[in-house]
Amino acid sequence: MLIDSHCHLDCLDLNPYGNSFANFMREAHQQEIGYMLCVAINLESYPDMYRLVEGYRNVAISVGVHPNERDAREPAIDQLVSLAQDPKVVAIGETGLDYFRSEGDLNWQRERFRTHIRAAKAIGKPLIIHSREAKKDTLKILDEEKASEVGGVFHCFTEDWETALRAMDLNFYLSFSGIVTFKSARLIQDVAKRLPENRFLIETDSPYLAPVPFRGKPNYPVYLRCIAECIAGLRDVSFAEIAERSTQNFHTLFPQTSAG
């Protein structure tokens, strides 16, 4: 069994599945995708996302506003805490900083990030971190806000080993997406080789970042096996070991999912 620790199921192109989410879920089950974490990007689409997956015990969700959502409704701490009280919600996010897609004065992004961290600490649930070309400020804010009290995961990790060490010091796991399968991803592959076996997760970030050999096409959780096989090769272990260890790590970070 594999667990997709970060995907956006409400954004999938369901044409290959007869425009049926139920058909997609059946295919995911057949491909041994045993559990998925469907990650929120804003509050406006959150209710529809919730309704889409609420009937599936093998899908958990998060609540939060992505750092690139410039025109989204700003979340308040008490609002995030209220939504996160739902047992289906296992994390706060995705949240963080993105200096690649956003320009100008980004203090609003940093304040939004702090809001999410404070909400996570108030509700006692881990964070899902998005960080792109902003590692220094991301780590600085996590440290200042004492995010280590709840920890979480750096999703789609694309930084170097030094950043990985600092993230782990702050009580965070690292998650590898399809990018780790790219030939050019030497830096990420080095981290995937060296990371302790109890600190990594795997994800598709679908419908984005499809792994080799599907690169450039819409991504789906059923492609998660490609990522697991790549990491197994990098670490010189079996696919079964990567599947088992990443599953254990997921349930450790998100303990509510253990009974799912």
Protein backbone atom coordinates (compact mmCIF):
# COMPACT_ATOMS: atom_id res chain seq x y z
CA MET A 1 0.00 0.00 0.00
CA LEU A 2 1.10 3.55 -0.78
CA ILE A 3 -0.01 6.84 0.73
CA ASP A 4 -0.16 10.02 -1.30
CA SER A 5 0.66 12.58 1.36
CA HIS A 6 -0.19 15.60 -0.78
CA CYS A 7 -2.65 15.84 -3.65
CA HIS A 8 -5.43 18.11 -4.88
CA LEU A 9 -8.21 15.71 -5.73
CA ASP A 10 -10.69 18.48 -6.41
CA CYS A 11 -8.44 19.74 -9.22
CA LEU A 12 -8.04 16.45 -11.11
CA ASP A 13 -9.03 16.10 -14.75
CA LEU A 14 -11.51 13.23 -14.51
CA ASN A 15 -11.98 12.81 -18.27
CA PRO A 16 -9.93 9.58 -18.29
CA TYR A 17 -12.33 8.26 -15.64
CA GLY A 18 -15.55 9.09 -17.44
CA ASN A 19 -15.78 12.32 -15.43
CA SER A 20 -16.51 10.18 -12.37
CA PHE A 21 -14.67 10.69 -9.11
CA ALA A 22 -15.95 7.29 -7.95
CA ASN A 23 -14.30 5.67 -10.98
CA PHE A 24 -11.05 7.40 -10.15
CA MET A 25 -11.20 6.20 -6.55
CA ARG A 26 -11.75 2.63 -7.70
CA GLU A 27 -8.70 2.85 -9.94
CA ALA A 28 -6.63 4.30 -7.10
CA HIS A 29 -7.65 1.36 -4.92
CA GLN A 30 -6.71 -1.11 -7.66
CA GLN A 31 -3.30 0.57 -7.95
CA GLU A 32 -2.80 0.11 -4.19
CA ILE A 33 -3.08 3.77 -3.26
CA GLY A 34 -4.40 3.08 0.20
CA TYR A 35 -4.74 6.61 1.55
CA MET A 36 -4.61 10.21 0.30
CA LEU A 37 -4.33 13.62 1.90
CA CYS A 38 -6.31 16.15 -0.12
CA VAL A 39 -4.78 19.56 0.52
CA ALA A 40 -6.68 22.84 0.55
CA ILE A 41 -5.49 25.94 -1.29
CA ASN A 42 -8.15 28.49 -0.29
CA LEU A 43 -11.31 28.89 1.74
CA GLU A 44 -13.58 29.59 -1.24
CA SER A 45 -13.17 26.09 -2.72
CA TYR A 46 -12.87 24.31 0.62
CA PRO A 47 -16.60 23.42 0.99
CA ASP A 48 -16.70 21.78 -2.47
CA MET A 49 -13.47 19.92 -1.74
CA TYR A 50 -14.90 18.67 1.52
CA ARG A 51 -18.12 17.45 -0.11
CA LEU A 52 -16.16 15.65 -2.83
CA VAL A 53 -14.21 13.45 -0.41
CA GLU A 54 -16.30 13.35 2.76
CA GLY A 55 -17.70 9.89 2.02
CA TYR A 56 -14.25 8.29 1.68
CA ARG A 57 -12.61 7.06 4.87
CA ASN A 58 -9.26 6.71 3.07
CA VAL A 59 -9.06 10.44 2.24
CA ALA A 60 -8.08 13.05 4.83
CA ILE A 61 -8.02 16.78 4.22
CA SER A 62 -6.27 19.94 5.34
CA VAL A 63 -7.49 23.49 5.65
CA GLY A 64 -5.56 26.60 4.68
CA VAL A 65 -4.78 29.25 2.09
CA HIS A 66 -1.88 28.76 -0.33
CA PRO A 67 0.74 31.56 -0.38
CA ASN A 68 0.11 32.19 -4.09
CA GLU A 69 -3.61 32.85 -3.55
CA ARG A 70 -3.25 36.64 -3.73
CA ASP A 71 -6.94 37.48 -4.05
CA ALA A 72 -8.24 34.78 -1.72
CA ARG A 73 -10.14 35.55 1.45
CA GLU A 74 -7.64 35.98 4.25
CA PRO A 75 -8.04 33.38 6.99
CA ALA A 76 -8.30 34.29 10.65
CA ILE A 77 -6.79 32.11 13.35
CA ASP A 78 -10.15 31.32 14.94
CA GLN A 79 -11.64 30.44 11.54
CA LEU A 80 -8.87 27.96 10.75
CA VAL A 81 -9.11 26.48 14.25
CA SER A 82 -12.87 26.08 13.92
CA LEU A 83 -12.60 24.29 10.57
CA ALA A 84 -9.72 22.13 11.80
CA GLN A 85 -11.80 20.76 14.66
CA ASP A 86 -13.45 18.47 12.14
CA PRO A 87 -11.88 14.99 12.57
CA LYS A 88 -11.41 14.70 8.81
CA VAL A 89 -8.99 17.63 8.93
CA VAL A 90 -5.53 16.38 9.89
CA ALA A 91 -3.35 19.39 9.06
CA ILE A 92 -3.17 23.15 8.56
CA GLY A 93 -2.07 24.28 5.11
CA GLU A 94 -0.77 24.32 2.65
CA THR A 95 0.92 27.46 3.83
CA GLY A 96 4.30 29.07 3.58
CA LEU A 97 6.16 31.44 1.28
CA ASP A 98 6.60 31.60 -2.48
CA TYR A 99 8.98 34.24 -3.80
CA PHE A 100 9.00 32.69 -7.28
CA ARG A 101 5.43 33.41 -8.35
CA SER A 102 4.65 36.40 -6.15
CA GLU A 103 6.33 39.79 -6.52
CA GLY A 104 6.49 43.14 -4.77
CA ASP A 105 5.93 43.69 -1.06
CA LEU A 106 5.21 40.21 0.26
CA ASN A 107 4.60 41.09 3.89
CA TRP A 108 0.98 39.93 3.41
CA GLN A 109 2.34 36.49 2.56
CA ARG A 110 4.51 36.36 5.65
CA GLU A 111 1.65 37.47 7.89
CA ARG A 112 -0.63 34.83 6.37
CA PHE A 113 2.05 32.25 7.09
CA ARG A 114 2.24 33.33 10.74
CA THR A 115 -1.55 33.10 11.01
CA HIS A 116 -1.46 29.47 9.89
CA ILE A 117 1.33 28.57 12.30
CA ARG A 118 -0.56 30.12 15.21
CA ALA A 119 -3.72 28.27 14.22
CA ALA A 120 -1.83 24.98 14.01
CA LYS A 121 -0.43 25.50 17.50
CA ALA A 122 -3.88 26.42 18.83
CA ILE A 123 -5.51 23.27 17.43
CA GLY A 124 -2.48 20.99 17.90
CA LYS A 125 -2.29 19.76 14.31
CA PRO A 126 0.77 19.73 12.03
CA LEU A 127 1.57 22.15 9.22
CA ILE A 128 1.93 21.52 5.49
CA ILE A 129 4.65 23.86 4.24
CA HIS A 130 5.05 25.26 0.73
CA SER A 131 8.40 27.00 0.23
CA ARG A 132 9.75 28.15 -3.12
CA GLU A 133 12.82 30.37 -3.40
CA ALA A 134 12.11 31.46 0.16
CA LYS A 135 13.95 28.96 2.34
CA LYS A 136 15.68 31.56 4.54
CA ASP A 137 12.49 33.39 5.48
CA THR A 138 10.48 30.16 5.72
CA LEU A 139 12.86 28.69 8.27
CA LYS A 140 13.17 32.01 10.10
CA ILE A 141 9.40 32.39 10.57
CA LEU A 142 8.97 28.76 11.58
CA ASP A 143 11.65 29.26 14.22
CA GLU A 144 10.26 32.60 15.45
CA GLU A 145 6.74 31.22 15.76
CA LYS A 146 7.95 28.04 17.51
CA ALA A 147 6.36 25.85 14.86
CA SER A 148 8.41 22.93 16.16
CA GLU A 149 5.72 22.52 18.82
CA VAL A 150 3.45 21.00 16.16
CA GLY A 151 5.89 20.15 13.37
CA GLY A 152 4.65 19.05 10.00
CA VAL A 153 5.99 18.46 6.52
CA PHE A 154 7.84 20.41 3.87
CA HIS A 155 5.87 19.26 0.86
CA CYS A 156 7.53 18.89 -2.55
CA PHE A 157 10.97 19.37 -1.01
CA THR A 158 13.43 20.87 -3.50
CA GLU A 159 16.22 22.27 -1.33
CA ASP A 160 19.71 21.13 -0.32
CA TRP A 161 20.94 18.93 2.51
CA GLU A 162 21.67 21.88 4.81
CA THR A 163 18.07 23.05 4.50
CA ALA A 164 16.87 19.50 5.10
CA LEU A 165 18.84 19.36 8.36
CA ARG A 166 17.37 22.67 9.53
CA ALA A 167 13.86 21.53 8.66
CA MET A 168 14.32 18.33 10.64
CA ASP A 169 15.68 20.32 13.58
CA LEU A 170 12.37 22.18 13.54
CA ASN A 171 10.46 18.89 13.81
CA PHE A 172 9.47 18.62 10.14
CA TYR A 173 9.34 15.72 7.73
CA LEU A 174 10.31 16.10 4.07
CA SER A 175 8.10 14.92 1.24
CA PHE A 176 9.31 14.03 -2.24
CA SER A 177 7.23 14.62 -5.35
CA GLY A 178 7.67 13.63 -8.99
CA ILE A 179 10.52 16.14 -9.26
CA VAL A 180 12.82 13.60 -7.60
CA THR A 181 12.50 11.44 -10.75
CA PHE A 182 13.82 14.18 -13.05
CA LYS A 183 17.37 13.68 -14.33
CA SER A 184 18.26 17.25 -13.41
CA ALA A 185 17.17 16.87 -9.78
CA ARG A 186 20.59 15.93 -8.41
CA LEU A 187 20.28 18.09 -5.30
CA ILE A 188 16.92 16.59 -4.34
CA GLN A 189 18.09 13.07 -5.10
CA ASP A 190 21.07 13.58 -2.78
CA VAL A 191 18.69 14.51 0.05
CA ALA A 192 16.45 11.53 -0.75
CA LYS A 193 19.47 9.23 -0.41
CA ARG A 194 20.66 10.67 2.90
CA LEU A 195 17.45 11.39 4.76
CA PRO A 196 16.79 9.22 7.84
CA GLU A 197 14.24 6.53 7.10
CA ASN A 198 11.81 7.91 9.67
CA ARG A 199 11.64 11.44 8.21
CA PHE A 200 10.38 11.16 4.63
CA LEU A 201 7.00 11.04 2.91
CA ILE A 202 6.03 10.67 -0.75
CA GLU A 203 3.45 12.62 -2.72
CA THR A 204 2.23 13.39 -6.21
CA ASP A 205 1.01 16.98 -5.73
CA SER A 206 -1.40 15.94 -8.45
CA PRO A 207 -2.56 17.25 -10.83
CA TYR A 208 0.86 18.94 -10.96
CA LEU A 209 4.45 17.70 -11.29
CA ALA A 210 3.91 14.32 -12.92
CA PRO A 211 6.90 12.01 -12.50
CA VAL A 212 8.94 10.40 -15.25
CA PRO A 213 7.70 8.82 -17.56
CA PHE A 214 4.58 11.00 -17.38
CA ARG A 215 6.41 14.32 -17.07
CA GLY A 216 4.54 17.17 -18.74
CA LYS A 217 1.18 15.42 -18.51
CA PRO A 218 -1.60 15.75 -15.93
CA ASN A 219 -0.60 14.00 -12.73
CA TYR A 220 -2.65 11.49 -10.72
CA PRO A 221 -2.15 9.69 -7.39
CA VAL A 222 -1.91 6.41 -9.33
CA TYR A 223 1.54 7.59 -10.49
CA LEU A 224 2.85 7.54 -6.93
CA ARG A 225 4.52 4.19 -7.53
CA CYS A 226 6.98 5.86 -9.94
CA ILE A 227 8.16 8.14 -7.14
CA ALA A 228 8.45 5.31 -4.62
CA GLU A 229 10.43 3.19 -7.07
CA CYS A 230 12.80 6.07 -7.80
CA ILE A 231 13.49 6.64 -4.11
CA ALA A 232 13.97 2.91 -3.58
CA GLY A 233 16.62 2.96 -6.29
CA LEU A 234 18.35 6.00 -4.83
CA ARG A 235 18.47 4.42 -1.37
CA ASP A 236 19.28 0.94 -2.69
CA VAL A 237 16.37 -0.69 -0.90
CA SER A 238 13.25 -2.49 -2.07
CA PHE A 239 10.08 -0.83 -3.24
CA ALA A 240 8.26 -2.65 -0.43
CA GLU A 241 10.53 -1.03 2.16
CA ILE A 242 9.84 2.47 0.81
CA ALA A 243 6.10 1.77 0.73
CA GLU A 244 6.09 0.46 4.30
CA ARG A 245 8.32 3.15 5.75
CA SER A 246 6.57 6.08 4.06
CA THR A 247 3.23 4.69 5.25
CA GLN A 248 4.47 4.42 8.83
CA ASN A 249 5.87 7.94 8.70
CA PHE A 250 2.59 9.34 7.40
CA HIS A 251 0.57 7.76 10.19
CA THR A 252 3.10 8.97 12.76
CA LEU A 253 2.83 12.55 11.56
CA PHE A 254 -0.94 12.40 11.13
CA PRO A 255 -2.05 10.00 13.90
CA GLN A 256 -5.78 10.50 13.20
CA THR A 257 -5.28 8.61 9.93
CA SER A 258 -4.13 5.42 11.63
CA ALA A 259 -7.71 4.29 12.14
CA GLY A 260 -8.72 5.27 8.59
